[in-house]
Structures are given as structure tokens and as C-alpha cells.
PDB file of N, CA and C in Angstrom:
ATOM      1  N   UNK A   1     -31.255  -2.925  -0.914  1.00  0.00           N
ATOM      2  CA  UNK A   1     -32.123  -2.075  -1.689  1.00  0.00           C
ATOM      3  C   UNK A   1     -31.992  -2.472  -3.164  1.00  0.00           C
ATOM      4  N   UNK A   2     -33.113  -2.592  -3.832  1.00  0.00           N
ATOM      5  CA  UNK A   2     -33.127  -3.001  -5.226  1.00  0.00           C
ATOM      6  C   UNK A   2     -32.941  -1.802  -6.149  1.00  0.00           C
ATOM      7  N   UNK A   3     -32.602  -2.093  -7.388  1.00  0.00           N
ATOM      8  CA  UNK A   3     -32.415  -1.044  -8.393  1.00  0.00           C
ATOM      9  C   UNK A   3     -33.717  -0.278  -8.618  1.00  0.00           C
ATOM     10  N   UNK A   4     -34.841  -0.981  -8.628  1.00  0.00           N
ATOM     11  CA  UNK A   4     -36.119  -0.299  -8.846  1.00  0.00           C
ATOM     12  C   UNK A   4     -36.437   0.656  -7.704  1.00  0.00           C
ATOM     13  N   UNK A   5     -36.042   0.307  -6.489  1.00  0.00           N
ATOM     14  CA  UNK A   5     -36.258   1.203  -5.351  1.00  0.00           C
ATOM     15  C   UNK A   5     -35.406   2.454  -5.479  1.00  0.00           C
ATOM     16  N   UNK A   6     -34.193   2.303  -5.933  1.00  0.00           N
ATOM     17  CA  UNK A   6     -33.306   3.450  -6.115  1.00  0.00           C
ATOM     18  C   UNK A   6     -33.841   4.365  -7.220  1.00  0.00           C
ATOM     19  N   UNK A   7     -34.280   3.773  -8.322  1.00  0.00           N
ATOM     20  CA  UNK A   7     -34.839   4.574  -9.414  1.00  0.00           C
ATOM     21  C   UNK A   7     -36.120   5.277  -8.991  1.00  0.00           C
ATOM     22  N   UNK A   8     -36.947   4.602  -8.218  1.00  0.00           N
ATOM     23  CA  UNK A   8     -38.169   5.213  -7.712  1.00  0.00           C
ATOM     24  C   UNK A   8     -37.840   6.383  -6.796  1.00  0.00           C
ATOM     25  N   UNK A   9     -36.837   6.228  -5.937  1.00  0.00           N
ATOM     26  CA  UNK A   9     -36.430   7.311  -5.034  1.00  0.00           C
ATOM     27  C   UNK A   9     -35.922   8.509  -5.833  1.00  0.00           C
ATOM     28  N   UNK A  10     -35.193   8.253  -6.911  1.00  0.00           N
ATOM     29  CA  UNK A  10     -34.684   9.345  -7.739  1.00  0.00           C
ATOM     30  C   UNK A  10     -35.833  10.070  -8.437  1.00  0.00           C
ATOM     31  N   UNK A  11     -36.787   9.320  -8.977  1.00  0.00           N
ATOM     32  CA  UNK A  11     -37.932   9.942  -9.656  1.00  0.00           C
ATOM     33  C   UNK A  11     -38.763  10.751  -8.670  1.00  0.00           C
ATOM     34  N   UNK A  12     -39.062  10.184  -7.508  1.00  0.00           N
ATOM     35  CA  UNK A  12     -39.801  10.931  -6.497  1.00  0.00           C
ATOM     36  C   UNK A  12     -39.001  12.129  -6.017  1.00  0.00           C
ATOM     37  N   UNK A  13     -37.688  11.973  -5.920  1.00  0.00           N
ATOM     38  CA  UNK A  13     -36.833  13.084  -5.521  1.00  0.00           C
ATOM     39  C   UNK A  13     -36.893  14.230  -6.507  1.00  0.00           C
ATOM     40  N   UNK A  14     -36.906  13.891  -7.788  1.00  0.00           N
ATOM     41  CA  UNK A  14     -37.022  14.932  -8.812  1.00  0.00           C
ATOM     42  C   UNK A  14     -38.353  15.662  -8.677  1.00  0.00           C
ATOM     43  N   UNK A  15     -39.426  14.911  -8.539  1.00  0.00           N
ATOM     44  CA  UNK A  15     -40.761  15.515  -8.432  1.00  0.00           C
ATOM     45  C   UNK A  15     -40.868  16.367  -7.176  1.00  0.00           C
ATOM     46  N   UNK A  16     -40.472  15.813  -6.036  1.00  0.00           N
ATOM     47  CA  UNK A  16     -40.578  16.530  -4.764  1.00  0.00           C
ATOM     48  C   UNK A  16     -39.654  17.745  -4.764  1.00  0.00           C
ATOM     49  N   UNK A  17     -38.447  17.598  -5.307  1.00  0.00           N
ATOM     50  CA  UNK A  17     -37.517  18.721  -5.367  1.00  0.00           C
ATOM     51  C   UNK A  17     -38.037  19.864  -6.218  1.00  0.00           C
ATOM     52  N   UNK A  18     -38.573  19.538  -7.378  1.00  0.00           N
ATOM     53  CA  UNK A  18     -39.110  20.576  -8.268  1.00  0.00           C
ATOM     54  C   UNK A  18     -40.315  21.252  -7.630  1.00  0.00           C
ATOM     55  N   UNK A  19     -41.213  20.488  -7.028  1.00  0.00           N
ATOM     56  CA  UNK A  19     -42.371  21.089  -6.372  1.00  0.00           C
ATOM     57  C   UNK A  19     -41.946  21.944  -5.175  1.00  0.00           C
ATOM     58  N   UNK A  20     -40.960  21.468  -4.425  1.00  0.00           N
ATOM     59  CA  UNK A  20     -40.447  22.266  -3.310  1.00  0.00           C
ATOM     60  C   UNK A  20     -39.807  23.550  -3.797  1.00  0.00           C
ATOM     61  N   UNK A  21     -39.118  23.480  -4.915  1.00  0.00           N
ATOM     62  CA  UNK A  21     -38.484  24.670  -5.483  1.00  0.00           C
ATOM     63  C   UNK A  21     -39.526  25.659  -5.981  1.00  0.00           C
ATOM     64  N   UNK A  22     -40.643  25.160  -6.507  1.00  0.00           N
ATOM     65  CA  UNK A  22     -41.717  26.042  -6.965  1.00  0.00           C
ATOM     66  C   UNK A  22     -42.396  26.766  -5.809  1.00  0.00           C
ATOM     67  N   UNK A  23     -42.405  26.153  -4.632  1.00  0.00           N
ATOM     68  CA  UNK A  23     -43.049  26.754  -3.467  1.00  0.00           C
ATOM     69  C   UNK A  23     -42.243  27.945  -2.954  1.00  0.00           C
ATOM     70  N   UNK A  24     -40.919  27.880  -3.066  1.00  0.00           N
ATOM     71  CA  UNK A  24     -40.050  28.947  -2.573  1.00  0.00           C
ATOM     72  C   UNK A  24     -40.131  30.132  -3.531  1.00  0.00           C
ATOM     73  N   UNK A  25     -40.480  31.318  -3.010  1.00  0.00           N
ATOM     74  CA  UNK A  25     -40.590  32.474  -3.905  1.00  0.00           C
ATOM     75  C   UNK A  25     -39.225  32.984  -4.362  1.00  0.00           C
ATOM     76  N   UNK A  26     -39.223  33.610  -5.514  1.00  0.00           N
ATOM     77  CA  UNK A  26     -37.992  34.187  -6.037  1.00  0.00           C
ATOM     78  C   UNK A  26     -37.167  33.190  -6.811  1.00  0.00           C
ATOM     79  N   UNK A  27     -35.974  33.649  -7.204  1.00  0.00           N
ATOM     80  CA  UNK A  27     -35.063  32.808  -7.979  1.00  0.00           C
ATOM     81  C   UNK A  27     -34.074  32.158  -7.030  1.00  0.00           C
ATOM     82  N   UNK A  28     -33.875  30.862  -7.195  1.00  0.00           N
ATOM     83  CA  UNK A  28     -32.907  30.137  -6.384  1.00  0.00           C
ATOM     84  C   UNK A  28     -31.608  29.999  -7.161  1.00  0.00           C
ATOM     85  N   UNK A  29     -30.508  30.046  -6.436  1.00  0.00           N
ATOM     86  CA  UNK A  29     -29.191  29.987  -7.050  1.00  0.00           C
ATOM     87  C   UNK A  29     -28.549  28.621  -6.839  1.00  0.00           C
ATOM     88  N   UNK A  30     -29.346  27.577  -6.980  1.00  0.00           N
ATOM     89  CA  UNK A  30     -28.820  26.218  -6.869  1.00  0.00           C
ATOM     90  C   UNK A  30     -29.118  25.495  -8.171  1.00  0.00           C
ATOM     91  N   UNK A  31     -28.343  24.492  -8.461  1.00  0.00           N
ATOM     92  CA  UNK A  31     -28.497  23.763  -9.701  1.00  0.00           C
ATOM     93  C   UNK A  31     -29.546  22.660  -9.623  1.00  0.00           C
ATOM     94  N   UNK A  32     -29.738  22.038 -10.760  1.00  0.00           N
ATOM     95  CA  UNK A  32     -30.718  20.957 -10.874  1.00  0.00           C
ATOM     96  C   UNK A  32     -30.304  19.759 -10.024  1.00  0.00           C
ATOM     97  N   UNK A  33     -29.011  19.457 -10.016  1.00  0.00           N
ATOM     98  CA  UNK A  33     -28.532  18.318  -9.234  1.00  0.00           C
ATOM     99  C   UNK A  33     -28.808  18.511  -7.747  1.00  0.00           C
ATOM    100  N   UNK A  34     -28.576  19.729  -7.235  1.00  0.00           N
ATOM    101  CA  UNK A  34     -28.869  20.003  -5.828  1.00  0.00           C
ATOM    102  C   UNK A  34     -30.367  19.921  -5.553  1.00  0.00           C
ATOM    103  N   UNK A  35     -31.181  20.346  -6.500  1.00  0.00           N
ATOM    104  CA  UNK A  35     -32.636  20.243  -6.342  1.00  0.00           C
ATOM    105  C   UNK A  35     -33.050  18.779  -6.221  1.00  0.00           C
ATOM    106  N   UNK A  36     -32.456  17.920  -7.032  1.00  0.00           N
ATOM    107  CA  UNK A  36     -32.764  16.490  -6.982  1.00  0.00           C
ATOM    108  C   UNK A  36     -32.303  15.890  -5.661  1.00  0.00           C
ATOM    109  N   UNK A  37     -31.100  16.248  -5.222  1.00  0.00           N
ATOM    110  CA  UNK A  37     -30.581  15.719  -3.953  1.00  0.00           C
ATOM    111  C   UNK A  37     -31.468  16.153  -2.789  1.00  0.00           C
ATOM    112  N   UNK A  38     -31.833  17.437  -2.761  1.00  0.00           N
ATOM    113  CA  UNK A  38     -32.722  17.932  -1.700  1.00  0.00           C
ATOM    114  C   UNK A  38     -34.065  17.212  -1.777  1.00  0.00           C
ATOM    115  N   UNK A  39     -34.575  16.986  -2.980  1.00  0.00           N
ATOM    116  CA  UNK A  39     -35.853  16.291  -3.144  1.00  0.00           C
ATOM    117  C   UNK A  39     -35.799  14.854  -2.654  1.00  0.00           C
ATOM    118  N   UNK A  40     -34.706  14.146  -2.943  1.00  0.00           N
ATOM    119  CA  UNK A  40     -34.575  12.760  -2.486  1.00  0.00           C
ATOM    120  C   UNK A  40     -34.508  12.705  -0.967  1.00  0.00           C
ATOM    121  N   UNK A  41     -33.709  13.576  -0.372  1.00  0.00           N
ATOM    122  CA  UNK A  41     -33.592  13.605   1.090  1.00  0.00           C
ATOM    123  C   UNK A  41     -34.935  13.983   1.722  1.00  0.00           C
ATOM    124  N   UNK A  42     -35.612  14.969   1.149  1.00  0.00           N
ATOM    125  CA  UNK A  42     -36.909  15.384   1.674  1.00  0.00           C
ATOM    126  C   UNK A  42     -37.941  14.269   1.540  1.00  0.00           C
ATOM    127  N   UNK A  43     -37.900  13.536   0.438  1.00  0.00           N
ATOM    128  CA  UNK A  43     -38.845  12.429   0.250  1.00  0.00           C
ATOM    129  C   UNK A  43     -38.607  11.327   1.283  1.00  0.00           C
ATOM    130  N   UNK A  44     -37.340  11.003   1.533  1.00  0.00           N
ATOM    131  CA  UNK A  44     -37.038   9.956   2.511  1.00  0.00           C
ATOM    132  C   UNK A  44     -37.413  10.383   3.932  1.00  0.00           C
ATOM    133  N   UNK A  45     -37.037  11.599   4.314  1.00  0.00           N
ATOM    134  CA  UNK A  45     -37.363  12.086   5.659  1.00  0.00           C
ATOM    135  C   UNK A  45     -38.870  12.275   5.801  1.00  0.00           C
ATOM    136  N   UNK A  46     -39.516  12.798   4.762  1.00  0.00           N
ATOM    137  CA  UNK A  46     -40.969  12.986   4.806  1.00  0.00           C
ATOM    138  C   UNK A  46     -41.724  11.680   4.947  1.00  0.00           C
ATOM    139  N   UNK A  47     -41.251  10.643   4.287  1.00  0.00           N
ATOM    140  CA  UNK A  47     -41.869   9.322   4.421  1.00  0.00           C
ATOM    141  C   UNK A  47     -41.702   8.791   5.836  1.00  0.00           C
ATOM    142  N   UNK A  48     -40.525   8.996   6.411  1.00  0.00           N
ATOM    143  CA  UNK A  48     -40.295   8.543   7.787  1.00  0.00           C
ATOM    144  C   UNK A  48     -41.179   9.297   8.775  1.00  0.00           C
ATOM    145  N   UNK A  49     -41.320  10.601   8.578  1.00  0.00           N
ATOM    146  CA  UNK A  49     -42.189  11.393   9.464  1.00  0.00           C
ATOM    147  C   UNK A  49     -43.638  10.961   9.310  1.00  0.00           C
ATOM    148  N   UNK A  50     -44.090  10.756   8.075  1.00  0.00           N
ATOM    149  CA  UNK A  50     -45.467  10.330   7.842  1.00  0.00           C
ATOM    150  C   UNK A  50     -45.731   8.962   8.453  1.00  0.00           C
ATOM    151  N   UNK A  51     -44.749   8.070   8.380  1.00  0.00           N
ATOM    152  CA  UNK A  51     -44.912   6.747   8.992  1.00  0.00           C
ATOM    153  C   UNK A  51     -44.950   6.854  10.510  1.00  0.00           C
ATOM    154  N   UNK A  52     -44.143   7.742  11.077  1.00  0.00           N
ATOM    155  CA  UNK A  52     -44.133   7.910  12.530  1.00  0.00           C
ATOM    156  C   UNK A  52     -45.445   8.500  13.035  1.00  0.00           C
ATOM    157  N   UNK A  53     -46.035   9.393  12.241  1.00  0.00           N
ATOM    158  CA  UNK A  53     -47.299  10.017  12.633  1.00  0.00           C
ATOM    159  C   UNK A  53     -48.476   9.084  12.357  1.00  0.00           C
ATOM    160  N   UNK A  54     -48.297   8.176  11.403  1.00  0.00           N
ATOM    161  CA  UNK A  54     -49.348   7.214  11.083  1.00  0.00           C
ATOM    162  C   UNK A  54     -50.195   7.584   9.886  1.00  0.00           C
ATOM    163  N   UNK A  55     -49.663   8.434   9.015  1.00  0.00           N
ATOM    164  CA  UNK A  55     -50.431   8.843   7.838  1.00  0.00           C
ATOM    165  C   UNK A  55     -49.772   8.388   6.541  1.00  0.00           C
ATOM    166  N   UNK A  56     -48.828   7.471   6.631  1.00  0.00           N
ATOM    167  CA  UNK A  56     -48.091   7.042   5.437  1.00  0.00           C
ATOM    168  C   UNK A  56     -48.916   6.128   4.541  1.00  0.00           C
ATOM    169  N   UNK A  57     -49.743   5.293   5.112  1.00  0.00           N
ATOM    170  CA  UNK A  57     -50.517   4.335   4.323  1.00  0.00           C
ATOM    171  C   UNK A  57     -52.004   4.609   4.496  1.00  0.00           C
ATOM    172  N   UNK A  58     -52.574   5.260   3.492  1.00  0.00           N
ATOM    173  CA  UNK A  58     -53.996   5.557   3.510  1.00  0.00           C
ATOM    174  C   UNK A  58     -54.621   5.000   2.237  1.00  0.00           C
ATOM    175  N   UNK A  59     -55.923   4.974   2.197  1.00  0.00           N
ATOM    176  CA  UNK A  59     -56.613   4.565   0.972  1.00  0.00           C
ATOM    177  C   UNK A  59     -56.532   5.718  -0.025  1.00  0.00           C
ATOM    178  N   UNK A  60     -56.027   5.435  -1.195  1.00  0.00           N
ATOM    179  CA  UNK A  60     -55.888   6.474  -2.201  1.00  0.00           C
ATOM    180  C   UNK A  60     -54.554   7.192  -2.072  1.00  0.00           C
ATOM    181  N   UNK A  61     -54.460   8.380  -2.651  1.00  0.00           N
ATOM    182  CA  UNK A  61     -53.193   9.137  -2.591  1.00  0.00           C
ATOM    183  C   UNK A  61     -52.879   9.572  -1.155  1.00  0.00           C
ATOM    184  N   UNK A  62     -51.615   9.569  -0.844  1.00  0.00           N
ATOM    185  CA  UNK A  62     -51.179   9.988   0.488  1.00  0.00           C
ATOM    186  C   UNK A  62     -50.871  11.483   0.459  1.00  0.00           C
ATOM    187  N   UNK A  63     -51.915  12.297   0.487  1.00  0.00           N
ATOM    188  CA  UNK A  63     -51.758  13.740   0.341  1.00  0.00           C
ATOM    189  C   UNK A  63     -50.956  14.343   1.482  1.00  0.00           C
ATOM    190  N   UNK A  64     -51.187  13.884   2.692  1.00  0.00           N
ATOM    191  CA  UNK A  64     -50.472  14.442   3.839  1.00  0.00           C
ATOM    192  C   UNK A  64     -48.981  14.144   3.722  1.00  0.00           C
ATOM    193  N   UNK A  65     -48.645  12.944   3.289  1.00  0.00           N
ATOM    194  CA  UNK A  65     -47.241  12.586   3.099  1.00  0.00           C
ATOM    195  C   UNK A  65     -46.597  13.464   2.025  1.00  0.00           C
ATOM    196  N   UNK A  66     -47.298  13.710   0.931  1.00  0.00           N
ATOM    197  CA  UNK A  66     -46.784  14.573  -0.130  1.00  0.00           C
ATOM    198  C   UNK A  66     -46.564  15.991   0.387  1.00  0.00           C
ATOM    199  N   UNK A  67     -47.515  16.498   1.169  1.00  0.00           N
ATOM    200  CA  UNK A  67     -47.389  17.857   1.708  1.00  0.00           C
ATOM    201  C   UNK A  67     -46.168  17.956   2.618  1.00  0.00           C
ATOM    202  N   UNK A  68     -45.965  16.948   3.452  1.00  0.00           N
ATOM    203  CA  UNK A  68     -44.791  16.928   4.335  1.00  0.00           C
ATOM    204  C   UNK A  68     -43.514  16.916   3.510  1.00  0.00           C
ATOM    205  N   UNK A  69     -43.457  16.075   2.486  1.00  0.00           N
ATOM    206  CA  UNK A  69     -42.260  15.974   1.650  1.00  0.00           C
ATOM    207  C   UNK A  69     -41.976  17.276   0.904  1.00  0.00           C
ATOM    208  N   UNK A  70     -43.007  17.882   0.342  1.00  0.00           N
ATOM    209  CA  UNK A  70     -42.820  19.124  -0.409  1.00  0.00           C
ATOM    210  C   UNK A  70     -42.411  20.258   0.526  1.00  0.00           C
ATOM    211  N   UNK A  71     -42.999  20.309   1.713  1.00  0.00           N
ATOM    212  CA  UNK A  71     -42.611  21.336   2.683  1.00  0.00           C
ATOM    213  C   UNK A  71     -41.150  21.166   3.093  1.00  0.00           C
ATOM    214  N   UNK A  72     -40.723  19.932   3.328  1.00  0.00           N
ATOM    215  CA  UNK A  72     -39.320  19.686   3.670  1.00  0.00           C
ATOM    216  C   UNK A  72     -38.395  20.065   2.515  1.00  0.00           C
ATOM    217  N   UNK A  73     -38.822  19.772   1.289  1.00  0.00           N
ATOM    218  CA  UNK A  73     -38.016  20.138   0.124  1.00  0.00           C
ATOM    219  C   UNK A  73     -37.921  21.655  -0.014  1.00  0.00           C
ATOM    220  N   UNK A  74     -39.012  22.361   0.239  1.00  0.00           N
ATOM    221  CA  UNK A  74     -38.993  23.823   0.167  1.00  0.00           C
ATOM    222  C   UNK A  74     -38.042  24.402   1.211  1.00  0.00           C
ATOM    223  N   UNK A  75     -38.080  23.856   2.418  1.00  0.00           N
ATOM    224  CA  UNK A  75     -37.165  24.305   3.467  1.00  0.00           C
ATOM    225  C   UNK A  75     -35.721  24.000   3.069  1.00  0.00           C
ATOM    226  N   UNK A  76     -35.481  22.815   2.519  1.00  0.00           N
ATOM    227  CA  UNK A  76     -34.141  22.443   2.093  1.00  0.00           C
ATOM    228  C   UNK A  76     -33.616  23.312   0.964  1.00  0.00           C
ATOM    229  N   UNK A  77     -34.465  23.603  -0.019  1.00  0.00           N
ATOM    230  CA  UNK A  77     -34.066  24.453  -1.140  1.00  0.00           C
ATOM    231  C   UNK A  77     -33.764  25.865  -0.641  1.00  0.00           C
ATOM    232  N   UNK A  78     -34.628  26.397   0.225  1.00  0.00           N
ATOM    233  CA  UNK A  78     -34.407  27.749   0.756  1.00  0.00           C
ATOM    234  C   UNK A  78     -33.129  27.812   1.580  1.00  0.00           C
ATOM    235  N   UNK A  79     -32.882  26.797   2.406  1.00  0.00           N
ATOM    236  CA  UNK A  79     -31.674  26.779   3.231  1.00  0.00           C
ATOM    237  C   UNK A  79     -30.419  26.672   2.370  1.00  0.00           C
ATOM    238  N   UNK A  80     -30.450  25.816   1.378  1.00  0.00           N
ATOM    239  CA  UNK A  80     -29.293  25.659   0.496  1.00  0.00           C
ATOM    240  C   UNK A  80     -29.052  26.920  -0.324  1.00  0.00           C
ATOM    241  N   UNK A  81     -30.130  27.545  -0.801  1.00  0.00           N
ATOM    242  CA  UNK A  81     -30.002  28.781  -1.560  1.00  0.00           C
ATOM    243  C   UNK A  81     -29.418  29.885  -0.683  1.00  0.00           C
ATOM    244  N   UNK A  82     -29.857  29.963   0.544  1.00  0.00           N
ATOM    245  CA  UNK A  82     -29.356  30.982   1.461  1.00  0.00           C
ATOM    246  C   UNK A  82     -27.876  30.753   1.774  1.00  0.00           C
ATOM    247  N   UNK A  83     -27.485  29.492   1.923  1.00  0.00           N
ATOM    248  CA  UNK A  83     -26.075  29.219   2.219  1.00  0.00           C
ATOM    249  C   UNK A  83     -25.191  29.510   1.006  1.00  0.00           C
ATOM    250  N   UNK A  84     -25.701  29.279  -0.201  1.00  0.00           N
ATOM    251  CA  UNK A  84     -24.938  29.586  -1.406  1.00  0.00           C
ATOM    252  C   UNK A  84     -24.883  31.079  -1.667  1.00  0.00           C
ATOM    253  N   UNK A  85     -25.931  31.796  -1.317  1.00  0.00           N
ATOM    254  CA  UNK A  85     -25.967  33.250  -1.536  1.00  0.00           C
ATOM    255  C   UNK A  85     -25.011  33.967  -0.595  1.00  0.00           C
ATOM    256  N   UNK A  86     -24.722  33.354   0.553  1.00  0.00           N
ATOM    257  CA  UNK A  86     -23.818  33.971   1.516  1.00  0.00           C
ATOM    258  C   UNK A  86     -22.362  33.927   1.083  1.00  0.00           C
ATOM    259  N   UNK A  87     -22.039  33.140   0.081  1.00  0.00           N
ATOM    260  CA  UNK A  87     -20.640  32.993  -0.370  1.00  0.00           C
ATOM    261  C   UNK A  87     -20.245  34.063  -1.325  1.00  0.00           C
TER     262      UNK A  87
END
């Protein structure tokens, strides 16, 4: 994996994590670093799911892939927030 790929994954992770966090209602009790980590994981898993379904490479923006990634990030943020709130 190249440095540019890692930086791209981090940037997409930040974007996907923040958008996923905005989708979850209420205040979350997780930090920015956890939001980025959840966003990176959601972006990678969402890309794999979109590729498996066959919607990863389309003409123009890949809206379905973005929706999958943001939904996964929202689920990840909510799950992490719930696990932190239980402590």
C-alpha cells in the first residue's frame, strides 16, 4: 500500500466518520480519533460491500457506495457510543 493510498483512506475516513456521526441523533460521547477510526473502517468495509454488490464503479459519483459507507459509520458511531455510555 502506498503513502497516497493511506492518506486517501484517512481523508475519506474523516469525511465518512463525520457524516456518520451527523446522522446519529443526539450527542455522542466519543472523541474525534474514534470518529476517524470508525470512518476509516466503515469506508473500507463499505467499499468492499459495494464491490461485492457491483455498485462500486459507476459513471460519475458513487452515491450508493457513499450511502453504504455513511450508514456503516453511523452504526459504528452509535455502537461505540453505546458501549462507552455503559461504562
